[in-house]
Each structure stands twice: as C-alpha cells, then as structure tokens.
Amino acid sequence: CDGASFSGSKDEPILVEGKKVYFRGFHIFSAVVDHLLSNGLQHASAAILTGCSSGGLATYLHLDQFRSRVPSHIPVHGLSDAGYFVDTVNVDGEKYRTDRK
C-alpha cells in the first residue's frame, strides 16, 4: 500500500514544510488493476484483493471498485489482514487514533 490506503487523488502536490507531498494513491491502485488486466487477469479463475495494515483498510475501501473492473465471470474475494483501526479510548483516556499528534 502507499501508506494512505490508496485513497489520494489530488492532481497537484501539497506543500508540507516546504516539501511537495503527492496524494495519488487511487491513481496507483487504478494503474495496478490496469496492469493486471492487461497481463492476464481476465483469464483468472478467481481474484483476491488483499492487504495488511493500511493495505488491509484499502481492501475494505476498494473491493467494490476492484469488483467493477474485473470481468463479471470471475469470482472476486477480499481478505483484509489487520485493516481495522479502532477509534476508542486508550489507557490514558485519549482517543487512540484521533488524539494522536
């Protein structure tokens, strides 16, 4: 995964502390699917979209898009490995994900 669950789709970079940061993960995901389709995916007996950590979250986010791109006669499955991020209170009483700095 690109670290942002293949979700970015900005055409122009954003400046962060004077450095350009690109958010184009969805374009990467689309290019990978294009590559797979042009290299034999259309002949597969099944397809599995999987990822771990933020890639696992990407599995949840993009499985429907992947399904729509793969020929309909091919069964498509998703397997997210540790792609669930709990937004709950930690032992210090702070929200685990949203209060981090």
Protein backbone atom coordinates (compact mmCIF):
# COMPACT_ATOMS: atom_id res chain seq x y z
CA CYS A 1 0.00 0.00 0.00
CA ASP A 2 1.07 3.62 -0.38
CA GLY A 3 0.54 4.32 3.33
CA ALA A 4 -2.75 6.14 2.77
CA SER A 5 -4.84 3.14 1.72
CA PHE A 6 -4.65 4.10 -1.96
CA SER A 7 -7.18 6.87 -1.32
CA GLY A 8 -5.50 10.05 -2.56
CA SER A 9 -6.46 11.56 -5.89
CA LYS A 10 -5.02 15.10 -5.86
CA ASP A 11 -3.64 16.24 -9.21
CA GLU A 12 -1.26 18.75 -7.66
CA PRO A 13 1.12 18.23 -4.72
CA ILE A 14 0.60 19.90 -1.37
CA LEU A 15 3.45 21.76 0.30
CA VAL A 16 4.34 20.43 3.76
CA GLU A 17 7.20 22.21 5.48
CA GLY A 18 8.48 23.34 2.11
CA LYS A 19 8.39 19.89 0.51
CA LYS A 20 5.97 18.61 -2.11
CA VAL A 21 3.76 15.75 -0.96
CA TYR A 22 1.70 13.85 -3.52
CA PHE A 23 -1.63 12.20 -2.73
CA ARG A 24 -2.17 9.96 -5.75
CA GLY A 25 -2.75 6.54 -4.22
CA PHE A 26 -6.01 5.92 -6.05
CA HIS A 27 -4.19 6.53 -9.34
CA ILE A 28 -1.63 3.91 -8.27
CA PHE A 29 -4.40 1.44 -7.44
CA SER A 30 -6.05 2.04 -10.83
CA ALA A 31 -2.74 1.60 -12.65
CA VAL A 32 -2.08 -1.69 -10.85
CA VAL A 33 -5.52 -3.01 -11.83
CA ASP A 34 -4.92 -1.86 -15.44
CA HIS A 35 -1.59 -3.70 -15.42
CA LEU A 36 -3.16 -6.90 -14.05
CA LEU A 37 -5.95 -6.77 -16.63
CA SER A 38 -3.50 -6.28 -19.49
CA ASN A 39 -1.37 -9.18 -18.25
CA GLY A 40 -3.90 -11.98 -17.93
CA LEU A 41 -6.24 -11.24 -15.02
CA GLN A 42 -9.17 -11.58 -17.41
CA HIS A 43 -8.26 -15.29 -17.73
CA ALA A 44 -8.15 -15.98 -13.96
CA SER A 45 -10.45 -18.49 -12.32
CA ALA A 46 -10.76 -16.18 -9.27
CA ALA A 47 -9.29 -12.94 -7.93
CA ILE A 48 -8.42 -12.00 -4.35
CA LEU A 49 -7.76 -8.44 -3.24
CA THR A 50 -5.77 -8.44 -0.01
CA GLY A 51 -3.60 -6.23 2.13
CA CYS A 52 -2.14 -5.87 5.59
CA SER A 53 -2.48 -2.89 7.95
CA SER A 54 -3.27 0.20 5.85
CA GLY A 55 -3.34 -2.14 2.85
CA GLY A 56 -5.99 -4.13 4.71
CA LEU A 57 -8.01 -0.97 5.12
CA ALA A 58 -7.52 -0.38 1.38
CA THR A 59 -9.08 -3.80 0.79
CA TYR A 60 -12.25 -2.62 2.53
CA LEU A 61 -12.21 0.72 0.72
CA HIS A 62 -11.57 -0.55 -2.81
CA LEU A 63 -13.06 -4.03 -3.09
CA ASP A 64 -16.21 -2.77 -4.84
CA GLN A 65 -14.10 -0.76 -7.30
CA PHE A 66 -11.91 -3.82 -7.94
CA ARG A 67 -15.02 -5.97 -8.46
CA SER A 68 -16.35 -3.48 -11.02
CA ARG A 69 -13.09 -3.64 -13.01
CA VAL A 70 -12.69 -7.44 -13.07
CA PRO A 71 -14.75 -9.33 -15.68
CA SER A 72 -18.07 -10.42 -14.15
CA HIS A 73 -17.48 -14.15 -14.77
CA ILE A 74 -14.51 -14.12 -12.35
CA PRO A 75 -15.34 -14.54 -8.64
CA VAL A 76 -13.75 -11.76 -6.57
CA HIS A 77 -12.95 -12.01 -2.86
CA GLY A 78 -11.34 -9.65 -0.36
CA LEU A 79 -9.10 -10.52 2.58
CA SER A 80 -8.18 -7.73 4.96
CA ASP A 81 -5.31 -8.66 7.31
CA ALA A 82 -5.29 -6.26 10.27
CA GLY A 83 -7.01 -3.49 8.35
CA TYR A 84 -9.36 -2.47 11.13
CA PHE A 85 -8.38 0.63 13.08
CA VAL A 86 -10.25 1.03 16.35
CA ASP A 87 -11.04 4.61 17.30
CA THR A 88 -11.53 4.15 21.02
CA VAL A 89 -10.25 5.46 24.32
CA ASN A 90 -6.79 4.16 25.30
CA VAL A 91 -5.47 3.52 28.83
CA ASP A 92 -4.66 7.24 29.20
CA GLY A 93 -8.27 8.20 28.45
CA GLU A 94 -7.44 9.64 24.99
CA LYS A 95 -8.91 8.62 21.68
CA TYR A 96 -6.33 6.26 20.20
CA ARG A 97 -6.47 7.46 16.58
CA THR A 98 -7.90 10.97 16.61
CA ASP A 99 -5.96 12.49 19.55
CA ARG A 100 -2.51 11.49 18.30
CA LYS A 101 -0.20 14.29 17.33
